[in-house]
Amino acid sequence: MGLVVAELFTRLLLRVSPYVRSQLAQLGPAGHRLETLELYGNREHRSADTPLGWQHSDPLLPDPRFGWINAPNEQATTPWSFHINAQGMRATHEYPIEKRPGVTRIAVLGDSYAFGYEVDDGETYAALLERGLPDSEVLNLGVAAYGLDQVLLRYEEDFSRYKPDVVVITLVSILLLRCSDTFGAWYKPYFMLEGGELVLHGRPVPSLVDMHRRYLFTPRLYSIYDIAAETWHLRFPSTPSRDDSPLHRRILHRLVQRIHADGARPIILLAPAYWEYGKRSGAVDAYQAVCAANEAECVDVQPRFAEAQKTGLLGDAVGAHHWNIAGNRLVAEEVIDYLKAHPTAPLQR
């Protein structure tokens, strides 16, 4: 009887208290899953096509191949304005599959830093690139919360058809860290190194409808136990953390090689996340491994960020989790300067 009462109380508490759900979500993936499914279940109007309540604050939709994608034709004006076109790119217009003659097409890959979270459409570094480079068009293909594994799959299966001349990989440390995750904004595909080869797992990604149906019949006390066990393991691991750097390097290598195979120039842009201003990026090892082998062109904007941080140009990171307008401008200037100094690829392939 006590367990029944505790179960009913827990279900009611999770249903009516956004504060409790948000606190549990901060504890790790298990808590995030619980919050996501509770939000979905709380909405009165939903369908498999428009799953309202899923990542309600983000312009994202669940996807069976990549975990999630930018929601086509989404837009918002507060607290910062953004538009997503029908092709899932951050843009106010569509791009033809075949580029116009005489135009250099640049594709920007990455997560929310590439997408340009917390700045308006015209203030992203992709938009500034397009304005600063004559006879060019820049496709902003960033998707919030992506890992490099998802970036690779999305380029191979979707974005390579746009046949860009230049592909800029926006490499921030969190892009690599997410490669070890099986859950981000939702469940996601992921790679593991098996026998020295990349092996894909996690496909097809389970649908929100199926997972919510399963969640309805799962005791909430078990979900709370799962969160507690995961939190304990994260804080007090029984085994040393594994070294995922070989996995990161292999994924980056495969992405670069695919870009080369498509006849495009891969440029790896090493940039700090907001907590790394003036510090060493957690992505520097993978960056140096690929750059030292002359596999890609490389642009390191860390020194510029360190200088800008000293002058206060980047602002107060408290309350902001992405580059501000000045940070996006700084990145764009570095890439523009590099491309103007190297109109053709300097690498001898």
Protein backbone atom coordinates (compact mmCIF):
# COMPACT_ATOMS: atom_id res chain seq x y z
CA MET A 1 0.00 0.00 0.00
CA GLY A 2 2.85 2.35 0.82
CA LEU A 3 4.44 1.77 -2.61
CA VAL A 4 1.10 2.40 -4.34
CA VAL A 5 0.64 5.69 -2.49
CA ALA A 6 4.25 6.72 -3.25
CA GLU A 7 3.77 5.88 -6.93
CA LEU A 8 0.56 7.89 -7.22
CA PHE A 9 2.10 10.84 -5.37
CA THR A 10 5.18 10.78 -7.63
CA ARG A 11 3.06 10.69 -10.78
CA LEU A 12 0.98 13.62 -9.57
CA LEU A 13 4.03 15.63 -8.53
CA LEU A 14 5.76 15.13 -11.88
CA ARG A 15 2.60 16.07 -13.73
CA VAL A 16 1.87 19.34 -11.92
CA SER A 17 5.32 20.64 -10.94
CA PRO A 18 7.52 22.13 -13.69
CA TYR A 19 10.12 22.97 -11.02
CA VAL A 20 10.57 19.33 -9.97
CA ARG A 21 10.81 18.22 -13.59
CA SER A 22 13.39 20.87 -14.46
CA GLN A 23 15.50 19.98 -11.41
CA LEU A 24 15.50 16.30 -12.34
CA ALA A 25 16.41 17.18 -15.96
CA GLN A 26 19.59 18.87 -14.76
CA LEU A 27 20.84 15.64 -13.20
CA GLY A 28 21.58 13.89 -16.48
CA PRO A 29 20.08 12.08 -19.49
CA ALA A 30 17.63 9.99 -17.45
CA GLY A 31 16.15 13.12 -15.89
CA HIS A 32 16.07 14.84 -19.27
CA ARG A 33 14.17 11.91 -20.77
CA LEU A 34 11.64 12.01 -17.95
CA GLU A 35 11.07 15.76 -18.39
CA THR A 36 10.70 15.38 -22.15
CA LEU A 37 8.11 12.61 -21.87
CA GLU A 38 6.20 14.40 -19.13
CA LEU A 39 6.06 17.57 -21.24
CA TYR A 40 4.82 15.57 -24.19
CA GLY A 41 2.16 13.83 -22.13
CA ASN A 42 0.96 17.10 -20.62
CA ARG A 43 -0.04 18.56 -23.96
CA GLU A 44 -3.70 18.14 -24.87
CA HIS A 45 -3.14 18.47 -28.62
CA ARG A 46 -0.40 16.48 -30.23
CA SER A 47 0.19 14.12 -33.12
CA ALA A 48 3.03 12.12 -34.60
CA ASP A 49 3.53 14.89 -37.17
CA THR A 50 3.63 17.83 -34.79
CA PRO A 51 4.62 16.51 -31.35
CA LEU A 52 3.86 19.61 -29.33
CA GLY A 53 5.52 19.66 -25.96
CA TRP A 54 8.77 18.15 -27.24
CA GLN A 55 11.64 20.61 -26.81
CA HIS A 56 9.06 23.38 -26.78
CA SER A 57 11.70 26.10 -26.44
CA ASP A 58 13.84 24.89 -29.33
CA PRO A 59 13.15 24.91 -33.09
CA LEU A 60 13.62 21.15 -33.29
CA LEU A 61 11.66 18.07 -34.35
CA PRO A 62 12.46 14.40 -33.58
CA ASP A 63 13.85 12.45 -36.51
CA PRO A 64 14.31 8.66 -36.95
CA ARG A 65 17.68 9.01 -38.69
CA PHE A 66 19.48 11.76 -36.83
CA GLY A 67 17.64 12.05 -33.51
CA TRP A 68 16.34 15.53 -34.26
CA ILE A 69 16.47 18.17 -36.98
CA ASN A 70 15.62 21.85 -37.35
CA ALA A 71 11.87 22.22 -37.69
CA PRO A 72 11.21 23.43 -41.26
CA ASN A 73 9.56 26.84 -41.67
CA GLU A 74 9.95 27.72 -37.99
CA GLN A 75 10.53 31.30 -36.86
CA ALA A 76 10.54 33.39 -33.72
CA THR A 77 11.17 37.03 -32.84
CA THR A 78 11.93 36.86 -29.09
CA PRO A 79 14.22 36.86 -27.25
CA TRP A 80 16.23 36.74 -30.49
CA SER A 81 14.90 36.39 -34.00
CA PHE A 82 15.49 33.37 -36.20
CA HIS A 83 14.03 31.86 -39.36
CA ILE A 84 14.37 28.28 -40.58
CA ASN A 85 13.58 27.66 -44.22
CA ALA A 86 11.74 24.69 -45.70
CA GLN A 87 15.08 22.90 -46.14
CA GLY A 88 15.85 23.03 -42.42
CA MET A 89 18.58 25.68 -42.74
CA ARG A 90 18.74 28.88 -40.76
CA ALA A 91 17.79 31.27 -43.54
CA THR A 92 15.02 33.58 -44.65
CA HIS A 93 14.96 32.08 -48.16
CA GLU A 94 15.44 28.75 -49.93
CA TYR A 95 18.59 27.54 -51.70
CA PRO A 96 18.40 25.62 -54.98
CA ILE A 97 20.13 22.24 -55.04
CA GLU A 98 22.23 23.41 -57.99
CA LYS A 99 24.22 26.52 -57.17
CA ARG A 100 24.19 29.52 -59.48
CA PRO A 101 27.11 29.90 -61.93
CA GLY A 102 29.94 32.08 -60.63
CA VAL A 103 28.87 31.69 -56.99
CA THR A 104 31.06 30.09 -54.34
CA ARG A 105 28.90 27.96 -52.06
CA ILE A 106 30.04 27.61 -48.45
CA ALA A 107 28.41 25.20 -46.00
CA VAL A 108 28.71 25.79 -42.25
CA LEU A 109 28.39 22.64 -40.12
CA GLY A 110 28.07 22.34 -36.35
CA ASP A 111 25.73 22.68 -33.41
CA SER A 112 24.07 25.72 -31.82
CA TYR A 113 27.29 27.74 -32.13
CA ALA A 114 27.15 27.33 -35.90
CA PHE A 115 23.38 27.88 -35.90
CA GLY A 116 23.91 31.13 -34.02
CA TYR A 117 21.92 30.74 -30.82
CA GLU A 118 21.22 33.97 -28.92
CA VAL A 119 21.84 36.30 -31.88
CA ASP A 120 19.50 37.44 -34.65
CA ASP A 121 19.52 36.07 -38.19
CA GLY A 122 21.82 38.72 -39.61
CA GLU A 123 24.29 38.48 -36.72
CA THR A 124 25.33 34.82 -37.06
CA TYR A 125 28.81 34.19 -38.35
CA ALA A 126 27.34 32.39 -41.38
CA ALA A 127 25.32 35.48 -42.32
CA LEU A 128 28.35 37.72 -41.80
CA LEU A 129 30.41 35.41 -44.02
CA GLU A 130 27.90 35.75 -46.83
CA ARG A 131 27.94 39.55 -46.59
CA GLY A 132 31.71 39.73 -46.35
CA LEU A 133 32.61 37.45 -49.28
CA PRO A 134 31.66 38.67 -52.77
CA ASP A 135 29.87 36.23 -55.07
CA SER A 136 29.23 33.73 -52.31
CA GLU A 137 26.31 32.07 -50.61
CA VAL A 138 26.60 30.52 -47.16
CA LEU A 139 24.36 27.66 -46.06
CA ASN A 140 23.90 27.62 -42.29
CA LEU A 141 23.46 23.92 -41.52
CA GLY A 142 23.97 24.12 -37.74
CA VAL A 143 21.57 22.14 -35.54
CA ALA A 144 21.31 22.71 -31.80
CA ALA A 145 22.70 20.00 -29.48
CA TYR A 146 24.29 17.98 -32.30
CA GLY A 147 27.39 15.91 -31.74
CA LEU A 148 30.07 15.46 -34.37
CA ASP A 149 28.64 12.01 -35.08
CA GLN A 150 25.31 13.55 -36.10
CA VAL A 151 27.09 16.24 -38.12
CA LEU A 152 28.92 13.51 -40.04
CA LEU A 153 25.77 11.49 -40.74
CA ARG A 154 23.76 14.56 -41.71
CA TYR A 155 26.42 15.72 -44.14
CA GLU A 156 26.82 12.27 -45.71
CA GLU A 157 23.09 11.59 -46.09
CA ASP A 158 21.51 15.03 -46.59
CA PHE A 159 23.76 18.03 -47.02
CA SER A 160 26.37 16.76 -49.47
CA ARG A 161 23.77 16.98 -52.24
CA TYR A 162 24.11 20.78 -52.17
CA LYS A 163 27.66 20.31 -53.51
CA PRO A 164 29.39 23.11 -51.58
CA ASP A 165 32.79 24.41 -52.67
CA VAL A 166 33.90 24.96 -49.06
CA VAL A 167 32.72 23.22 -45.89
CA VAL A 168 33.48 24.87 -42.54
CA ILE A 169 33.35 22.47 -39.58
CA THR A 170 32.65 24.55 -36.48
CA LEU A 171 34.65 22.54 -33.94
CA VAL A 172 33.85 23.32 -30.31
CA SER A 173 34.63 20.93 -27.48
CA ILE A 174 31.02 20.04 -26.68
CA LEU A 175 30.55 18.85 -30.26
CA LEU A 176 33.03 16.08 -29.48
CA LEU A 177 31.76 15.33 -25.97
CA ARG A 178 28.30 14.55 -27.33
CA CYS A 179 29.72 11.71 -29.44
CA SER A 180 29.68 9.55 -26.29
CA ASP A 181 26.00 10.27 -25.61
CA THR A 182 23.07 8.11 -26.61
CA PHE A 183 20.60 10.83 -25.61
CA GLY A 184 20.73 14.60 -26.17
CA ALA A 185 17.70 16.61 -27.16
CA TRP A 186 16.29 13.13 -27.81
CA TYR A 187 17.71 9.68 -28.50
CA LYS A 188 20.44 9.83 -31.10
CA PRO A 189 22.57 7.59 -33.32
CA TYR A 190 26.16 7.14 -32.21
CA PHE A 191 29.37 5.45 -33.29
CA MET A 192 31.59 3.02 -31.43
CA LEU A 193 35.08 1.90 -32.39
CA GLU A 194 34.96 -1.85 -32.91
CA GLY A 195 38.09 -3.50 -34.26
CA GLY A 196 39.41 -0.09 -35.17
CA GLU A 197 36.37 0.70 -37.35
CA LEU A 198 33.43 3.04 -36.83
CA VAL A 199 30.26 1.05 -36.23
CA LEU A 200 26.92 2.88 -36.10
CA HIS A 201 24.42 2.16 -33.32
CA GLY A 202 21.09 3.60 -32.23
CA ARG A 203 19.18 3.44 -35.50
CA PRO A 204 16.35 3.72 -36.09
CA VAL A 205 15.91 6.32 -33.39
CA PRO A 206 12.80 5.43 -31.30
CA SER A 207 9.81 7.66 -31.89
CA LEU A 208 8.40 9.95 -29.24
CA VAL A 209 5.01 8.25 -29.55
CA ASP A 210 6.43 4.78 -28.88
CA MET A 211 8.60 5.94 -25.99
CA HIS A 212 5.71 7.81 -24.37
CA ARG A 213 3.48 4.74 -24.64
CA ARG A 214 6.18 2.70 -22.89
CA TYR A 215 6.65 5.45 -20.31
CA LEU A 216 2.95 5.37 -19.38
CA PHE A 217 3.35 1.80 -18.10
CA THR A 218 6.72 2.32 -16.41
CA PRO A 219 6.53 2.95 -12.64
CA ARG A 220 7.63 6.50 -11.85
CA LEU A 221 9.47 5.18 -8.80
CA TYR A 222 11.62 3.14 -11.16
CA SER A 223 12.32 6.27 -13.23
CA ILE A 224 13.40 8.11 -10.08
CA TYR A 225 15.63 5.19 -9.13
CA ASP A 226 17.16 5.26 -12.62
CA ILE A 227 17.93 8.97 -12.25
CA ALA A 228 19.48 8.44 -8.81
CA ALA A 229 21.62 5.52 -9.99
CA GLU A 230 22.83 7.47 -13.03
CA THR A 231 23.65 10.52 -10.91
CA TRP A 232 25.61 8.39 -8.44
CA HIS A 233 27.57 6.75 -11.25
CA LEU A 234 28.40 10.11 -12.86
CA ARG A 235 29.65 11.54 -9.56
CA PHE A 236 31.33 8.41 -8.21
CA PRO A 237 32.31 6.24 -11.21
CA SER A 238 33.44 2.74 -10.30
CA THR A 239 35.73 2.55 -13.34
CA PRO A 240 38.00 5.22 -14.86
CA SER A 241 36.49 7.28 -17.67
CA ARG A 242 37.32 5.87 -21.05
CA ASP A 243 39.40 7.84 -23.51
CA ASP A 244 37.16 8.76 -26.43
CA SER A 245 39.78 10.80 -28.28
CA PRO A 246 40.46 8.01 -30.84
CA LEU A 247 36.72 7.95 -31.60
CA HIS A 248 36.64 11.73 -32.02
CA ARG A 249 39.62 11.73 -34.35
CA ARG A 250 38.19 8.90 -36.45
CA ILE A 251 34.83 10.66 -36.88
CA LEU A 252 36.51 13.94 -37.80
CA HIS A 253 38.82 12.13 -40.22
CA ARG A 254 35.87 10.43 -41.94
CA LEU A 255 34.00 13.74 -42.29
CA VAL A 256 37.05 15.45 -43.78
CA GLN A 257 37.65 12.58 -46.21
CA ARG A 258 34.02 12.66 -47.36
CA ILE A 259 34.23 16.39 -48.00
CA HIS A 260 37.39 15.84 -50.06
CA ALA A 261 35.66 13.04 -52.00
CA ASP A 262 32.86 15.48 -52.88
CA GLY A 263 35.41 17.87 -54.38
CA ALA A 264 35.04 20.49 -51.65
CA ARG A 265 37.54 22.18 -49.33
CA PRO A 266 37.21 21.11 -45.68
CA ILE A 267 38.13 23.85 -43.22
CA ILE A 268 38.21 23.01 -39.52
CA LEU A 269 37.43 26.04 -37.39
CA LEU A 270 38.69 25.55 -33.82
CA ALA A 271 36.73 27.84 -31.53
CA PRO A 272 36.09 28.01 -27.78
CA ALA A 273 32.80 27.36 -26.06
CA TYR A 274 31.66 30.18 -23.79
CA TRP A 275 33.33 28.64 -20.71
CA GLU A 276 36.65 28.30 -22.55
CA TYR A 277 37.34 31.95 -23.38
CA GLY A 278 41.03 32.46 -22.73
CA LYS A 279 41.54 28.74 -22.01
CA ARG A 280 42.58 25.66 -23.95
CA SER A 281 39.74 24.17 -25.99
CA GLY A 282 38.82 20.59 -25.22
CA ALA A 283 38.74 19.95 -28.98
CA VAL A 284 42.35 20.93 -29.60
CA ASP A 285 43.75 17.36 -29.64
CA ALA A 286 41.40 16.16 -32.40
CA TYR A 287 42.01 19.42 -34.30
CA GLN A 288 45.79 19.08 -34.12
CA ALA A 289 45.74 15.41 -35.10
CA VAL A 290 43.86 16.09 -38.33
CA CYS A 291 45.70 19.34 -39.09
CA ALA A 292 49.15 17.85 -38.44
CA ALA A 293 48.42 15.20 -41.06
CA ASN A 294 47.49 17.93 -43.59
CA GLU A 295 44.07 16.37 -44.01
CA ALA A 296 42.23 19.68 -43.84
CA GLU A 297 42.73 23.42 -43.81
CA CYS A 298 42.70 24.73 -40.28
CA VAL A 299 41.73 28.04 -38.69
CA ASP A 300 42.26 28.56 -34.95
CA VAL A 301 40.28 31.50 -33.54
CA GLN A 302 41.22 30.84 -29.90
CA PRO A 303 43.90 33.59 -29.78
CA ARG A 304 41.42 36.19 -31.03
CA PHE A 305 38.88 35.13 -28.43
CA ALA A 306 41.49 35.35 -25.67
CA GLU A 307 42.35 38.91 -26.70
CA ALA A 308 38.70 39.90 -26.97
CA GLN A 309 37.92 38.44 -23.54
CA LYS A 310 40.61 40.62 -21.93
CA THR A 311 38.99 43.76 -23.33
CA GLY A 312 35.47 42.73 -22.30
CA LEU A 313 34.33 42.54 -25.92
CA LEU A 314 32.70 39.15 -25.40
CA GLY A 315 30.60 40.39 -22.50
CA ASP A 316 29.60 38.59 -19.35
CA ALA A 317 29.15 34.87 -19.95
CA VAL A 318 26.71 34.62 -17.02
CA GLY A 319 23.26 34.04 -18.48
CA ALA A 320 24.64 33.62 -22.00
CA HIS A 321 25.68 30.25 -23.36
CA HIS A 322 26.86 31.10 -26.86
CA TRP A 323 28.93 33.67 -28.71
CA ASN A 324 27.51 37.15 -28.60
CA ILE A 325 27.40 39.46 -31.63
CA ALA A 326 31.07 40.38 -31.19
CA GLY A 327 32.05 36.70 -30.96
CA ASN A 328 30.20 35.83 -34.17
CA ARG A 329 31.80 38.80 -35.91
CA LEU A 330 35.23 37.71 -34.72
CA VAL A 331 34.75 34.20 -36.15
CA ALA A 332 33.48 35.56 -39.46
CA GLU A 333 36.45 37.93 -39.79
CA GLU A 334 38.93 35.10 -39.21
CA VAL A 335 37.32 32.87 -41.86
CA ILE A 336 36.98 35.74 -44.35
CA ASP A 337 40.63 36.72 -43.88
CA TYR A 338 41.71 33.11 -44.36
CA LEU A 339 39.66 32.57 -47.53
CA LYS A 340 40.85 35.83 -49.06
CA ALA A 341 44.46 34.87 -48.30
CA HIS A 342 43.86 31.35 -49.68
CA PRO A 343 41.45 31.60 -52.64
CA THR A 344 42.38 28.03 -53.52
CA ALA A 345 43.23 25.13 -51.23
CA PRO A 346 46.92 25.27 -50.21
CA LEU A 347 47.02 21.54 -49.54
CA GLN A 348 48.68 19.28 -52.07
CA ARG A 349 46.47 16.23 -52.20
